[in-house]
Amino acid sequence: MKQPILWEQFESIQLEVGHILSVEKFPEAKNPAYIIAADFGPIHGTLKTSAQLTQRYNPEDLVGKQIVGVTNFPKKQIGPMMSEFLVLGALDSENGTAILQVLEKVPPGTSIA
């Protein structure tokens, strides 16, 4: 179990809704992964990330989904690509990570509380 955090620490994490625009295979990744481009609305625009979702999803399964992402982490170099956000998911070691989705239609960039 992880240690409790302060409310202010939680508030410092920028969680937003992204709309997946495209998903490509990422053959240069150490572990099987995709490069995901998601629209995070007028402030952030389109951001890219690498995500190890190949065990559970095919690329076409992900396009169009509304996901939850952390948009205020520093950018991170992952092989030849620069990751600009973190997609959140439920870590299922048996079936592969399941992305966190927003099922009701909301605008890209909507804050998560």
PDB file of N, CA and C in Angstrom:
ATOM      1  N   MET A   1       0.852  -1.185   0.000  1.00  0.00           N
ATOM      2  CA  MET A   1       0.000   0.000   0.000  1.00  0.00           C
ATOM      3  C   MET A   1       0.892   1.240   0.000  1.00  0.00           C
ATOM      4  N   LYS A   2       0.501   2.220  -0.775  1.00  0.00           N
ATOM      5  CA  LYS A   2       1.275   3.455  -0.851  1.00  0.00           C
ATOM      6  C   LYS A   2       0.904   4.393   0.285  1.00  0.00           C
ATOM      7  N   GLN A   3       1.821   5.292   0.598  1.00  0.00           N
ATOM      8  CA  GLN A   3       1.599   6.261   1.664  1.00  0.00           C
ATOM      9  C   GLN A   3       0.548   7.295   1.241  1.00  0.00           C
ATOM     10  N   PRO A   4      -0.252   7.799   2.186  1.00  0.00           N
ATOM     11  CA  PRO A   4      -1.217   8.852   1.869  1.00  0.00           C
ATOM     12  C   PRO A   4      -0.503  10.102   1.350  1.00  0.00           C
ATOM     13  N   ILE A   5      -1.189  10.817   0.483  1.00  0.00           N
ATOM     14  CA  ILE A   5      -0.657  12.090  -0.010  1.00  0.00           C
ATOM     15  C   ILE A   5      -1.551  13.221   0.467  1.00  0.00           C
ATOM     16  N   LEU A   6      -1.036  14.417   0.392  1.00  0.00           N
ATOM     17  CA  LEU A   6      -1.815  15.594   0.752  1.00  0.00           C
ATOM     18  C   LEU A   6      -2.752  15.969  -0.395  1.00  0.00           C
ATOM     19  N   TRP A   7      -3.877  16.580  -0.064  1.00  0.00           N
ATOM     20  CA  TRP A   7      -4.838  17.008  -1.073  1.00  0.00           C
ATOM     21  C   TRP A   7      -4.165  17.914  -2.106  1.00  0.00           C
ATOM     22  N   GLU A   8      -3.274  18.777  -1.646  1.00  0.00           N
ATOM     23  CA  GLU A   8      -2.576  19.702  -2.547  1.00  0.00           C
ATOM     24  C   GLU A   8      -1.725  18.934  -3.559  1.00  0.00           C
ATOM     25  N   GLN A   9      -1.167  17.791  -3.156  1.00  0.00           N
ATOM     26  CA  GLN A   9      -0.389  16.977  -4.090  1.00  0.00           C
ATOM     27  C   GLN A   9      -1.285  16.419  -5.193  1.00  0.00           C
ATOM     28  N   PHE A  10      -2.449  15.929  -4.806  1.00  0.00           N
ATOM     29  CA  PHE A  10      -3.394  15.423  -5.807  1.00  0.00           C
ATOM     30  C   PHE A  10      -3.824  16.544  -6.755  1.00  0.00           C
ATOM     31  N   GLU A  11      -4.114  17.711  -6.200  1.00  0.00           N
ATOM     32  CA  GLU A  11      -4.559  18.832  -7.030  1.00  0.00           C
ATOM     33  C   GLU A  11      -3.502  19.277  -8.037  1.00  0.00           C
ATOM     34  N   SER A  12      -2.240  18.970  -7.780  1.00  0.00           N
ATOM     35  CA  SER A  12      -1.178  19.394  -8.692  1.00  0.00           C
ATOM     36  C   SER A  12      -1.093  18.513  -9.941  1.00  0.00           C
ATOM     37  N   ILE A  13      -1.788  17.374  -9.941  1.00  0.00           N
ATOM     38  CA  ILE A  13      -1.791  16.491 -11.104  1.00  0.00           C
ATOM     39  C   ILE A  13      -2.898  16.951 -12.048  1.00  0.00           C
ATOM     40  N   GLN A  14      -2.516  17.258 -13.281  1.00  0.00           N
ATOM     41  CA  GLN A  14      -3.484  17.729 -14.265  1.00  0.00           C
ATOM     42  C   GLN A  14      -4.008  16.524 -15.042  1.00  0.00           C
ATOM     43  N   LEU A  15      -5.215  16.092 -14.682  1.00  0.00           N
ATOM     44  CA  LEU A  15      -5.887  14.972 -15.339  1.00  0.00           C
ATOM     45  C   LEU A  15      -6.931  15.545 -16.286  1.00  0.00           C
ATOM     46  N   GLU A  16      -6.860  15.116 -17.555  1.00  0.00           N
ATOM     47  CA  GLU A  16      -7.781  15.664 -18.553  1.00  0.00           C
ATOM     48  C   GLU A  16      -8.263  14.573 -19.496  1.00  0.00           C
ATOM     49  N   VAL A  17      -9.375  14.853 -20.159  1.00  0.00           N
ATOM     50  CA  VAL A  17      -9.934  13.947 -21.153  1.00  0.00           C
ATOM     51  C   VAL A  17      -9.255  14.205 -22.493  1.00  0.00           C
ATOM     52  N   GLY A  18      -8.796  13.113 -23.105  1.00  0.00           N
ATOM     53  CA  GLY A  18      -8.242  13.177 -24.449  1.00  0.00           C
ATOM     54  C   GLY A  18      -9.040  12.295 -25.379  1.00  0.00           C
ATOM     55  N   HIS A  19      -9.137  12.704 -26.641  1.00  0.00           N
ATOM     56  CA  HIS A  19      -9.845  11.948 -27.666  1.00  0.00           C
ATOM     57  C   HIS A  19      -8.793  11.348 -28.591  1.00  0.00           C
ATOM     58  N   ILE A  20      -8.701  10.007 -28.643  1.00  0.00           N
ATOM     59  CA  ILE A  20      -7.662   9.357 -29.445  1.00  0.00           C
ATOM     60  C   ILE A  20      -7.925   9.568 -30.930  1.00  0.00           C
ATOM     61  N   LEU A  21      -6.926  10.162 -31.597  1.00  0.00           N
ATOM     62  CA  LEU A  21      -7.009  10.455 -33.021  1.00  0.00           C
ATOM     63  C   LEU A  21      -6.357   9.372 -33.870  1.00  0.00           C
ATOM     64  N   SER A  22      -5.222   8.853 -33.406  1.00  0.00           N
ATOM     65  CA  SER A  22      -4.514   7.836 -34.183  1.00  0.00           C
ATOM     66  C   SER A  22      -3.695   6.943 -33.262  1.00  0.00           C
ATOM     67  N   VAL A  23      -3.445   5.731 -33.738  1.00  0.00           N
ATOM     68  CA  VAL A  23      -2.639   4.753 -33.009  1.00  0.00           C
ATOM     69  C   VAL A  23      -1.762   4.041 -34.032  1.00  0.00           C
ATOM     70  N   GLU A  24      -0.450   4.052 -33.772  1.00  0.00           N
ATOM     71  CA  GLU A  24       0.507   3.390 -34.663  1.00  0.00           C
ATOM     72  C   GLU A  24       1.318   2.384 -33.853  1.00  0.00           C
ATOM     73  N   LYS A  25       1.760   1.333 -34.520  1.00  0.00           N
ATOM     74  CA  LYS A  25       2.687   0.408 -33.868  1.00  0.00           C
ATOM     75  C   LYS A  25       4.007   1.140 -33.648  1.00  0.00           C
ATOM     76  N   PHE A  26       4.708   0.777 -32.586  1.00  0.00           N
ATOM     77  CA  PHE A  26       5.966   1.423 -32.198  1.00  0.00           C
ATOM     78  C   PHE A  26       7.061   0.351 -32.172  1.00  0.00           C
ATOM     79  N   PRO A  27       7.573  -0.042 -33.339  1.00  0.00           N
ATOM     80  CA  PRO A  27       8.527  -1.157 -33.398  1.00  0.00           C
ATOM     81  C   PRO A  27       9.851  -0.893 -32.679  1.00  0.00           C
ATOM     82  N   GLU A  28      10.220   0.370 -32.473  1.00  0.00           N
ATOM     83  CA  GLU A  28      11.480   0.693 -31.799  1.00  0.00           C
ATOM     84  C   GLU A  28      11.405   0.572 -30.281  1.00  0.00           C
ATOM     85  N   ALA A  29      10.217   0.412 -29.732  1.00  0.00           N
ATOM     86  CA  ALA A  29      10.052   0.320 -28.276  1.00  0.00           C
ATOM     87  C   ALA A  29      10.672  -0.967 -27.739  1.00  0.00           C
ATOM     88  N   LYS A  30      11.220  -0.904 -26.514  1.00  0.00           N
ATOM     89  CA  LYS A  30      11.800  -2.100 -25.871  1.00  0.00           C
ATOM     90  C   LYS A  30      10.751  -3.186 -25.690  1.00  0.00           C
ATOM     91  N   ASN A  31       9.576  -2.795 -25.206  1.00  0.00           N
ATOM     92  CA  ASN A  31       8.453  -3.708 -25.021  1.00  0.00           C
ATOM     93  C   ASN A  31       7.374  -3.338 -26.033  1.00  0.00           C
ATOM     94  N   PRO A  32       6.562  -4.300 -26.487  1.00  0.00           N
ATOM     95  CA  PRO A  32       5.525  -3.989 -27.476  1.00  0.00           C
ATOM     96  C   PRO A  32       4.666  -2.800 -27.022  1.00  0.00           C
ATOM     97  N   ALA A  33       4.523  -1.816 -27.911  1.00  0.00           N
ATOM     98  CA  ALA A  33       3.806  -0.590 -27.557  1.00  0.00           C
ATOM     99  C   ALA A  33       3.231   0.062 -28.805  1.00  0.00           C
ATOM    100  N   TYR A  34       2.363   1.035 -28.553  1.00  0.00           N
ATOM    101  CA  TYR A  34       1.797   1.878 -29.605  1.00  0.00           C
ATOM    102  C   TYR A  34       2.224   3.321 -29.364  1.00  0.00           C
ATOM    103  N   ILE A  35       2.224   4.104 -30.432  1.00  0.00           N
ATOM    104  CA  ILE A  35       2.301   5.564 -30.328  1.00  0.00           C
ATOM    105  C   ILE A  35       0.878   6.060 -30.507  1.00  0.00           C
ATOM    106  N   ILE A  36       0.398   6.780 -29.505  1.00  0.00           N
ATOM    107  CA  ILE A  36      -0.977   7.283 -29.500  1.00  0.00           C
ATOM    108  C   ILE A  36      -0.948   8.797 -29.614  1.00  0.00           C
ATOM    109  N   ALA A  37      -1.743   9.332 -30.527  1.00  0.00           N
ATOM    110  CA  ALA A  37      -1.951  10.778 -30.634  1.00  0.00           C
ATOM    111  C   ALA A  37      -3.369  11.065 -30.165  1.00  0.00           C
ATOM    112  N   ALA A  38      -3.507  12.008 -29.221  1.00  0.00           N
ATOM    113  CA  ALA A  38      -4.820  12.327 -28.654  1.00  0.00           C
ATOM    114  C   ALA A  38      -5.026  13.836 -28.627  1.00  0.00           C
ATOM    115  N   ASP A  39      -6.244  14.237 -28.898  1.00  0.00           N
ATOM    116  CA  ASP A  39      -6.636  15.647 -28.850  1.00  0.00           C
ATOM    117  C   ASP A  39      -7.023  15.979 -27.415  1.00  0.00           C
ATOM    118  N   PHE A  40      -6.318  16.964 -26.828  1.00  0.00           N
ATOM    119  CA  PHE A  40      -6.624  17.419 -25.473  1.00  0.00           C
ATOM    120  C   PHE A  40      -7.200  18.830 -25.471  1.00  0.00           C
ATOM    121  N   GLY A  41      -7.837  19.226 -26.562  1.00  0.00           N
ATOM    122  CA  GLY A  41      -8.559  20.486 -26.590  1.00  0.00           C
ATOM    123  C   GLY A  41      -7.712  21.683 -26.949  1.00  0.00           C
ATOM    124  N   PRO A  42      -8.312  22.892 -26.808  1.00  0.00           N
ATOM    125  CA  PRO A  42      -7.671  24.115 -27.294  1.00  0.00           C
ATOM    126  C   PRO A  42      -6.408  24.539 -26.542  1.00  0.00           C
ATOM    127  N   ILE A  43      -6.237  24.141 -25.311  1.00  0.00           N
ATOM    128  CA  ILE A  43      -5.044  24.559 -24.571  1.00  0.00           C
ATOM    129  C   ILE A  43      -3.829  23.723 -24.958  1.00  0.00           C
ATOM    130  N   HIS A  44      -3.969  22.393 -24.986  1.00  0.00           N
ATOM    131  CA  HIS A  44      -2.837  21.507 -25.265  1.00  0.00           C
ATOM    132  C   HIS A  44      -2.763  21.066 -26.719  1.00  0.00           C
ATOM    133  N   GLY A  45      -3.904  21.002 -27.392  1.00  0.00           N
ATOM    134  CA  GLY A  45      -3.921  20.479 -28.755  1.00  0.00           C
ATOM    135  C   GLY A  45      -3.657  18.989 -28.775  1.00  0.00           C
ATOM    136  N   THR A  46      -3.010  18.525 -29.844  1.00  0.00           N
ATOM    137  CA  THR A  46      -2.704  17.106 -29.994  1.00  0.00           C
ATOM    138  C   THR A  46      -1.391  16.780 -29.302  1.00  0.00           C
ATOM    139  N   LEU A  47      -1.430  15.764 -28.440  1.00  0.00           N
ATOM    140  CA  LEU A  47      -0.247  15.284 -27.728  1.00  0.00           C
ATOM    141  C   LEU A  47      -0.032  13.820 -28.073  1.00  0.00           C
ATOM    142  N   LYS A  48       1.232  13.383 -28.011  1.00  0.00           N
ATOM    143  CA  LYS A  48       1.573  11.988 -28.303  1.00  0.00           C
ATOM    144  C   LYS A  48       2.165  11.309 -27.075  1.00  0.00           C
ATOM    145  N   THR A  49       1.986  10.006 -27.026  1.00  0.00           N
ATOM    146  CA  THR A  49       2.598   9.199 -25.979  1.00  0.00           C
ATOM    147  C   THR A  49       2.851   7.802 -26.501  1.00  0.00           C
ATOM    148  N   SER A  50       3.642   7.055 -25.767  1.00  0.00           N
ATOM    149  CA  SER A  50       3.843   5.637 -26.023  1.00  0.00           C
ATOM    150  C   SER A  50       3.117   4.877 -24.921  1.00  0.00           C
ATOM    151  N   ALA A  51       2.424   3.804 -25.292  1.00  0.00           N
ATOM    152  CA  ALA A  51       1.674   3.044 -24.300  1.00  0.00           C
ATOM    153  C   ALA A  51       1.739   1.555 -24.623  1.00  0.00           C
ATOM    154  N   GLN A  52       1.995   0.765 -23.597  1.00  0.00           N
ATOM    155  CA  GLN A  52       2.070  -0.687 -23.741  1.00  0.00           C
ATOM    156  C   GLN A  52       0.666  -1.280 -23.605  1.00  0.00           C
ATOM    157  N   LEU A  53      -0.086  -1.172 -24.689  1.00  0.00           N
ATOM    158  CA  LEU A  53      -1.476  -1.625 -24.701  1.00  0.00           C
ATOM    159  C   LEU A  53      -1.715  -2.734 -25.715  1.00  0.00           C
ATOM    160  N   THR A  54      -0.651  -3.282 -26.284  1.00  0.00           N
ATOM    161  CA  THR A  54      -0.782  -4.231 -27.389  1.00  0.00           C
ATOM    162  C   THR A  54      -1.376  -5.578 -26.980  1.00  0.00           C
ATOM    163  N   GLN A  55      -1.263  -5.942 -25.715  1.00  0.00           N
ATOM    164  CA  GLN A  55      -1.792  -7.231 -25.267  1.00  0.00           C
ATOM    165  C   GLN A  55      -3.322  -7.239 -25.299  1.00  0.00           C
ATOM    166  N   ARG A  56      -3.946  -6.080 -25.006  1.00  0.00           N
ATOM    167  CA  ARG A  56      -5.406  -6.016 -24.904  1.00  0.00           C
ATOM    168  C   ARG A  56      -6.068  -5.430 -26.149  1.00  0.00           C
ATOM    169  N   TYR A  57      -5.390  -4.501 -26.832  1.00  0.00           N
ATOM    170  CA  TYR A  57      -6.032  -3.748 -27.906  1.00  0.00           C
ATOM    171  C   TYR A  57      -5.291  -3.850 -29.232  1.00  0.00           C
ATOM    172  N   ASN A  58      -6.048  -3.813 -30.310  1.00  0.00           N
ATOM    173  CA  ASN A  58      -5.525  -3.547 -31.643  1.00  0.00           C
ATOM    174  C   ASN A  58      -5.644  -2.043 -31.860  1.00  0.00           C
ATOM    175  N   PRO A  59      -4.833  -1.462 -32.756  1.00  0.00           N
ATOM    176  CA  PRO A  59      -4.910  -0.008 -32.951  1.00  0.00           C
ATOM    177  C   PRO A  59      -6.322   0.504 -33.241  1.00  0.00           C
ATOM    178  N   GLU A  60      -7.053  -0.197 -34.096  1.00  0.00           N
ATOM    179  CA  GLU A  60      -8.401   0.266 -34.470  1.00  0.00           C
ATOM    180  C   GLU A  60      -9.382   0.217 -33.295  1.00  0.00           C
ATOM    181  N   ASP A  61      -9.090  -0.562 -32.255  1.00  0.00           N
ATOM    182  CA  ASP A  61      -9.949  -0.616 -31.058  1.00  0.00           C
ATOM    183  C   ASP A  61      -9.871   0.677 -30.255  1.00  0.00           C
ATOM    184  N   LEU A  62      -8.758   1.401 -30.380  1.00  0.00           N
ATOM    185  CA  LEU A  62      -8.506   2.573 -29.538  1.00  0.00           C
ATOM    186  C   LEU A  62      -8.920   3.894 -30.186  1.00  0.00           C
ATOM    187  N   VAL A  63      -8.852   3.978 -31.495  1.00  0.00           N
ATOM    188  CA  VAL A  63      -9.173   5.237 -32.182  1.00  0.00           C
ATOM    189  C   VAL A  63     -10.615   5.638 -31.886  1.00  0.00           C
ATOM    190  N   GLY A  64     -10.784   6.901 -31.496  1.00  0.00           N
ATOM    191  CA  GLY A  64     -12.106   7.438 -31.176  1.00  0.00           C
ATOM    192  C   GLY A  64     -12.481   7.372 -29.707  1.00  0.00           C
ATOM    193  N   LYS A  65     -11.730   6.638 -28.906  1.00  0.00           N
ATOM    194  CA  LYS A  65     -12.052   6.535 -27.478  1.00  0.00           C
ATOM    195  C   LYS A  65     -11.651   7.808 -26.735  1.00  0.00           C
ATOM    196  N   GLN A  66     -12.405   8.111 -25.683  1.00  0.00           N
ATOM    197  CA  GLN A  66     -12.080   9.208 -24.770  1.00  0.00           C
ATOM    198  C   GLN A  66     -11.328   8.606 -23.592  1.00  0.00           C
ATOM    199  N   ILE A  67     -10.112   9.092 -23.391  1.00  0.00           N
ATOM    200  CA  ILE A  67      -9.237   8.535 -22.371  1.00  0.00           C
ATOM    201  C   ILE A  67      -8.966   9.568 -21.287  1.00  0.00           C
ATOM    202  N   VAL A  68      -8.327   9.118 -20.215  1.00  0.00           N
ATOM    203  CA  VAL A  68      -7.868  10.011 -19.157  1.00  0.00           C
ATOM    204  C   VAL A  68      -6.349  10.066 -19.242  1.00  0.00           C
ATOM    205  N   GLY A  69      -5.806  11.281 -19.277  1.00  0.00           N
ATOM    206  CA  GLY A  69      -4.364  11.439 -19.355  1.00  0.00           C
ATOM    207  C   GLY A  69      -3.847  12.464 -18.366  1.00  0.00           C
ATOM    208  N   VAL A  70      -2.594  12.292 -17.961  1.00  0.00           N
ATOM    209  CA  VAL A  70      -1.885  13.293 -17.159  1.00  0.00           C
ATOM    210  C   VAL A  70      -1.151  14.177 -18.158  1.00  0.00           C
ATOM    211  N   THR A  71      -1.456  15.473 -18.137  1.00  0.00           N
ATOM    212  CA  THR A  71      -0.910  16.385 -19.154  1.00  0.00           C
ATOM    213  C   THR A  71       0.139  17.350 -18.613  1.00  0.00           C
ATOM    214  N   ASN A  72       0.492  17.239 -17.339  1.00  0.00           N
ATOM    215  CA  ASN A  72       1.499  18.174 -16.813  1.00  0.00           C
ATOM    216  C   ASN A  72       2.768  17.488 -16.312  1.00  0.00           C
ATOM    217  N   PHE A  73       3.027  16.256 -16.764  1.00  0.00           N
ATOM    218  CA  PHE A  73       4.338  15.656 -16.527  1.00  0.00           C
ATOM    219  C   PHE A  73       5.325  16.276 -17.503  1.00  0.00           C
ATOM    220  N   PRO A  74       6.608  16.304 -17.157  1.00  0.00           N
ATOM    221  CA  PRO A  74       7.595  16.757 -18.142  1.00  0.00           C
ATOM    222  C   PRO A  74       7.616  15.775 -19.325  1.00  0.00           C
ATOM    223  N   LYS A  75       7.967  16.279 -20.502  1.00  0.00           N
ATOM    224  CA  LYS A  75       8.105  15.415 -21.667  1.00  0.00           C
ATOM    225  C   LYS A  75       9.201  14.400 -21.398  1.00  0.00           C
ATOM    226  N   LYS A  76       9.059  13.211 -22.001  1.00  0.00           N
ATOM    227  CA  LYS A  76      10.017  12.135 -21.764  1.00  0.00           C
ATOM    228  C   LYS A  76      10.384  11.472 -23.089  1.00  0.00           C
ATOM    229  N   GLN A  77      11.672  11.368 -23.343  1.00  0.00           N
ATOM    230  CA  GLN A  77      12.143  10.706 -24.554  1.00  0.00           C
ATOM    231  C   GLN A  77      12.005   9.198 -24.399  1.00  0.00           C
ATOM    232  N   ILE A  78      11.294   8.572 -25.325  1.00  0.00           N
ATOM    233  CA  ILE A  78      11.136   7.118 -25.333  1.00  0.00           C
ATOM    234  C   ILE A  78      11.579   6.646 -26.715  1.00  0.00           C
ATOM    235  N   GLY A  79      12.809   6.159 -26.794  1.00  0.00           N
ATOM    236  CA  GLY A  79      13.364   5.795 -28.094  1.00  0.00           C
ATOM    237  C   GLY A  79      13.382   7.008 -28.996  1.00  0.00           C
ATOM    238  N   PRO A  80      12.876   6.878 -30.219  1.00  0.00           N
ATOM    239  CA  PRO A  80      12.897   8.004 -31.152  1.00  0.00           C
ATOM    240  C   PRO A  80      11.745   8.999 -30.980  1.00  0.00           C
ATOM    241  N   MET A  81      10.835   8.760 -30.050  1.00  0.00           N
ATOM    242  CA  MET A  81       9.697   9.681 -29.897  1.00  0.00           C
ATOM    243  C   MET A  81       9.704  10.348 -28.532  1.00  0.00           C
ATOM    244  N   MET A  82       9.077  11.530 -28.481  1.00  0.00           N
ATOM    245  CA  MET A  82       8.955  12.304 -27.245  1.00  0.00           C
ATOM    246  C   MET A  82       7.540  12.121 -26.700  1.00  0.00           C
ATOM    247  N   SER A  83       7.427  11.515 -25.515  1.00  0.00           N
ATOM    248  CA  SER A  83       6.127  11.333 -24.881  1.00  0.00           C
ATOM    249  C   SER A  83       5.710  12.646 -24.219  1.00  0.00           C
ATOM    250  N   GLU A  84       4.467  13.061 -24.479  1.00  0.00           N
ATOM    251  CA  GLU A  84       3.981  14.358 -23.999  1.00  0.00           C
ATOM    252  C   GLU A  84       2.867  14.247 -22.958  1.00  0.00           C
ATOM    253  N   PHE A  85       2.356  13.042 -22.733  1.00  0.00           N
ATOM    254  CA  PHE A  85       1.349  12.837 -21.686  1.00  0.00           C
ATOM    255  C   PHE A  85       1.399  11.383 -21.250  1.00  0.00           C
ATOM    256  N   LEU A  86       0.730  11.075 -20.153  1.00  0.00           N
ATOM    257  CA  LEU A  86       0.631   9.702 -19.653  1.00  0.00           C
ATOM    258  C   LEU A  86      -0.826   9.274 -19.734  1.00  0.00           C
ATOM    259  N   VAL A  87      -1.087   8.207 -20.483  1.00  0.00           N
ATOM    260  CA  VAL A  87      -2.440   7.658 -20.528  1.00  0.00           C
ATOM    261  C   VAL A  87      -2.612   6.762 -19.303  1.00  0.00           C
ATOM    262  N   LEU A  88      -3.750   6.885 -18.623  1.00  0.00           N
ATOM    263  CA  LEU A  88      -4.001   6.098 -17.420  1.00  0.00           C
ATOM    264  C   LEU A  88      -4.722   4.800 -17.753  1.00  0.00           C
ATOM    265  N   GLY A  89      -4.367   3.756 -17.013  1.00  0.00           N
ATOM    266  CA  GLY A  89      -4.987   2.469 -17.244  1.00  0.00           C
ATOM    267  C   GLY A  89      -4.937   1.601 -16.007  1.00  0.00           C
ATOM    268  N   ALA A  90      -5.759   0.562 -16.043  1.00  0.00           N
ATOM    269  CA  ALA A  90      -5.791  -0.438 -14.976  1.00  0.00           C
ATOM    270  C   ALA A  90      -4.805  -1.532 -15.358  1.00  0.00           C
ATOM    271  N   LEU A  91      -3.812  -1.762 -14.501  1.00  0.00           N
ATOM    272  CA  LEU A  91      -2.734  -2.708 -14.786  1.00  0.00           C
ATOM    273  C   LEU A  91      -3.192  -4.143 -14.518  1.00  0.00           C
ATOM    274  N   ASP A  92      -3.532  -4.839 -15.586  1.00  0.00           N
ATOM    275  CA  ASP A  92      -3.997  -6.222 -15.502  1.00  0.00           C
ATOM    276  C   ASP A  92      -2.899  -7.100 -16.097  1.00  0.00           C
ATOM    277  N   SER A  93      -2.120  -7.758 -15.238  1.00  0.00           N
ATOM    278  CA  SER A  93      -0.969  -8.532 -15.710  1.00  0.00           C
ATOM    279  C   SER A  93      -1.387  -9.747 -16.546  1.00  0.00           C
ATOM    280  N   GLU A  94      -2.597 -10.213 -16.382  1.00  0.00           N
ATOM    281  CA  GLU A  94      -3.048 -11.390 -17.133  1.00  0.00           C
ATOM    282  C   GLU A  94      -3.546 -11.038 -18.533  1.00  0.00           C
ATOM    283  N   ASN A  95      -4.354  -9.974 -18.658  1.00  0.00           N
ATOM    284  CA  ASN A  95      -4.987  -9.635 -19.940  1.00  0.00           C
ATOM    285  C   ASN A  95      -4.436  -8.372 -20.593  1.00  0.00           C
ATOM    286  N   GLY A  96      -3.522  -7.690 -19.936  1.00  0.00           N
ATOM    287  CA  GLY A  96      -2.981  -6.444 -20.465  1.00  0.00           C
ATOM    288  C   GLY A  96      -3.697  -5.243 -19.881  1.00  0.00           C
ATOM    289  N   THR A  97      -3.015  -4.114 -19.907  1.00  0.00           N
ATOM    290  CA  THR A  97      -3.552  -2.879 -19.340  1.00  0.00           C
ATOM    291  C   THR A  97      -4.847  -2.462 -20.033  1.00  0.00           C
ATOM    292  N   ALA A  98      -5.832  -2.057 -19.229  1.00  0.00           N
ATOM    293  CA  ALA A  98      -7.114  -1.553 -19.724  1.00  0.00           C
ATOM    294  C   ALA A  98      -7.133  -0.042 -19.520  1.00  0.00           C
ATOM    295  N   ILE A  99      -7.325   0.705 -20.596  1.00  0.00           N
ATOM    296  CA  ILE A  99      -7.317   2.168 -20.485  1.00  0.00           C
ATOM    297  C   ILE A  99      -8.514   2.650 -19.668  1.00  0.00           C
ATOM    298  N   LEU A 100      -8.314   3.779 -18.970  1.00  0.00           N
ATOM    299  CA  LEU A 100      -9.423   4.435 -18.286  1.00  0.00           C
ATOM    300  C   LEU A 100     -10.140   5.290 -19.318  1.00  0.00           C
ATOM    301  N   GLN A 101     -11.450   5.101 -19.415  1.00  0.00           N
ATOM    302  CA  GLN A 101     -12.236   5.809 -20.421  1.00  0.00           C
ATOM    303  C   GLN A 101     -13.308   6.674 -19.780  1.00  0.00           C
ATOM    304  N   VAL A 102     -13.673   7.720 -20.492  1.00  0.00           N
ATOM    305  CA  VAL A 102     -14.820   8.547 -20.127  1.00  0.00           C
ATOM    306  C   VAL A 102     -15.927   8.137 -21.086  1.00  0.00           C
ATOM    307  N   LEU A 103     -16.997   7.567 -20.557  1.00  0.00           N
ATOM    308  CA  LEU A 103     -18.037   6.995 -21.408  1.00  0.00           C
ATOM    309  C   LEU A 103     -19.026   8.028 -21.928  1.00  0.00           C
ATOM    310  N   GLU A 104     -19.252   9.092 -21.165  1.00  0.00           N
ATOM    311  CA  GLU A 104     -20.139  10.154 -21.629  1.00  0.00           C
ATOM    312  C   GLU A 104     -19.327  11.122 -22.490  1.00  0.00           C
ATOM    313  N   LYS A 105     -19.924  11.656 -23.547  1.00  0.00           N
ATOM    314  CA  LYS A 105     -19.226  12.565 -24.455  1.00  0.00           C
ATOM    315  C   LYS A 105     -18.988  13.912 -23.762  1.00  0.00           C
ATOM    316  N   VAL A 106     -17.715  14.293 -23.664  1.00  0.00           N
ATOM    317  CA  VAL A 106     -17.325  15.599 -23.124  1.00  0.00           C
ATOM    318  C   VAL A 106     -16.257  16.181 -24.047  1.00  0.00           C
ATOM    319  N   PRO A 107     -16.052  17.484 -24.009  1.00  0.00           N
ATOM    320  CA  PRO A 107     -15.045  18.086 -24.879  1.00  0.00           C
ATOM    321  C   PRO A 107     -13.634  17.662 -24.502  1.00  0.00           C
ATOM    322  N   PRO A 108     -12.750  17.491 -25.492  1.00  0.00           N
ATOM    323  CA  PRO A 108     -11.345  17.220 -25.194  1.00  0.00           C
ATOM    324  C   PRO A 108     -10.766  18.319 -24.302  1.00  0.00           C
ATOM    325  N   GLY A 109      -9.955  17.920 -23.336  1.00  0.00           N
ATOM    326  CA  GLY A 109      -9.357  18.875 -22.406  1.00  0.00           C
ATOM    327  C   GLY A 109     -10.168  19.070 -21.138  1.00  0.00           C
ATOM    328  N   THR A 110     -11.341  18.426 -21.042  1.00  0.00           N
ATOM    329  CA  THR A 110     -12.157  18.538 -19.835  1.00  0.00           C
ATOM    330  C   THR A 110     -11.355  18.003 -18.639  1.00  0.00           C
ATOM    331  N   SER A 111     -11.345  18.747 -17.540  1.00  0.00           N
ATOM    332  CA  SER A 111     -10.612  18.348 -16.342  1.00  0.00           C
ATOM    333  C   SER A 111     -11.289  17.178 -15.648  1.00  0.00           C
ATOM    334  N   ILE A 112     -10.457  16.324 -15.063  1.00  0.00           N
ATOM    335  CA  ILE A 112     -10.926  15.196 -14.253  1.00  0.00           C
ATOM    336  C   ILE A 112     -10.743  15.587 -12.785  1.00  0.00           C
ATOM    337  N   ALA A 113     -11.753  15.352 -11.978  1.00  0.00           N
ATOM    338  CA  ALA A 113     -11.661  15.680 -10.551  1.00  0.00           C
ATOM    339  C   ALA A 113     -11.794  14.425  -9.727  1.00  0.00           C
TER     340      ALA A 113
END
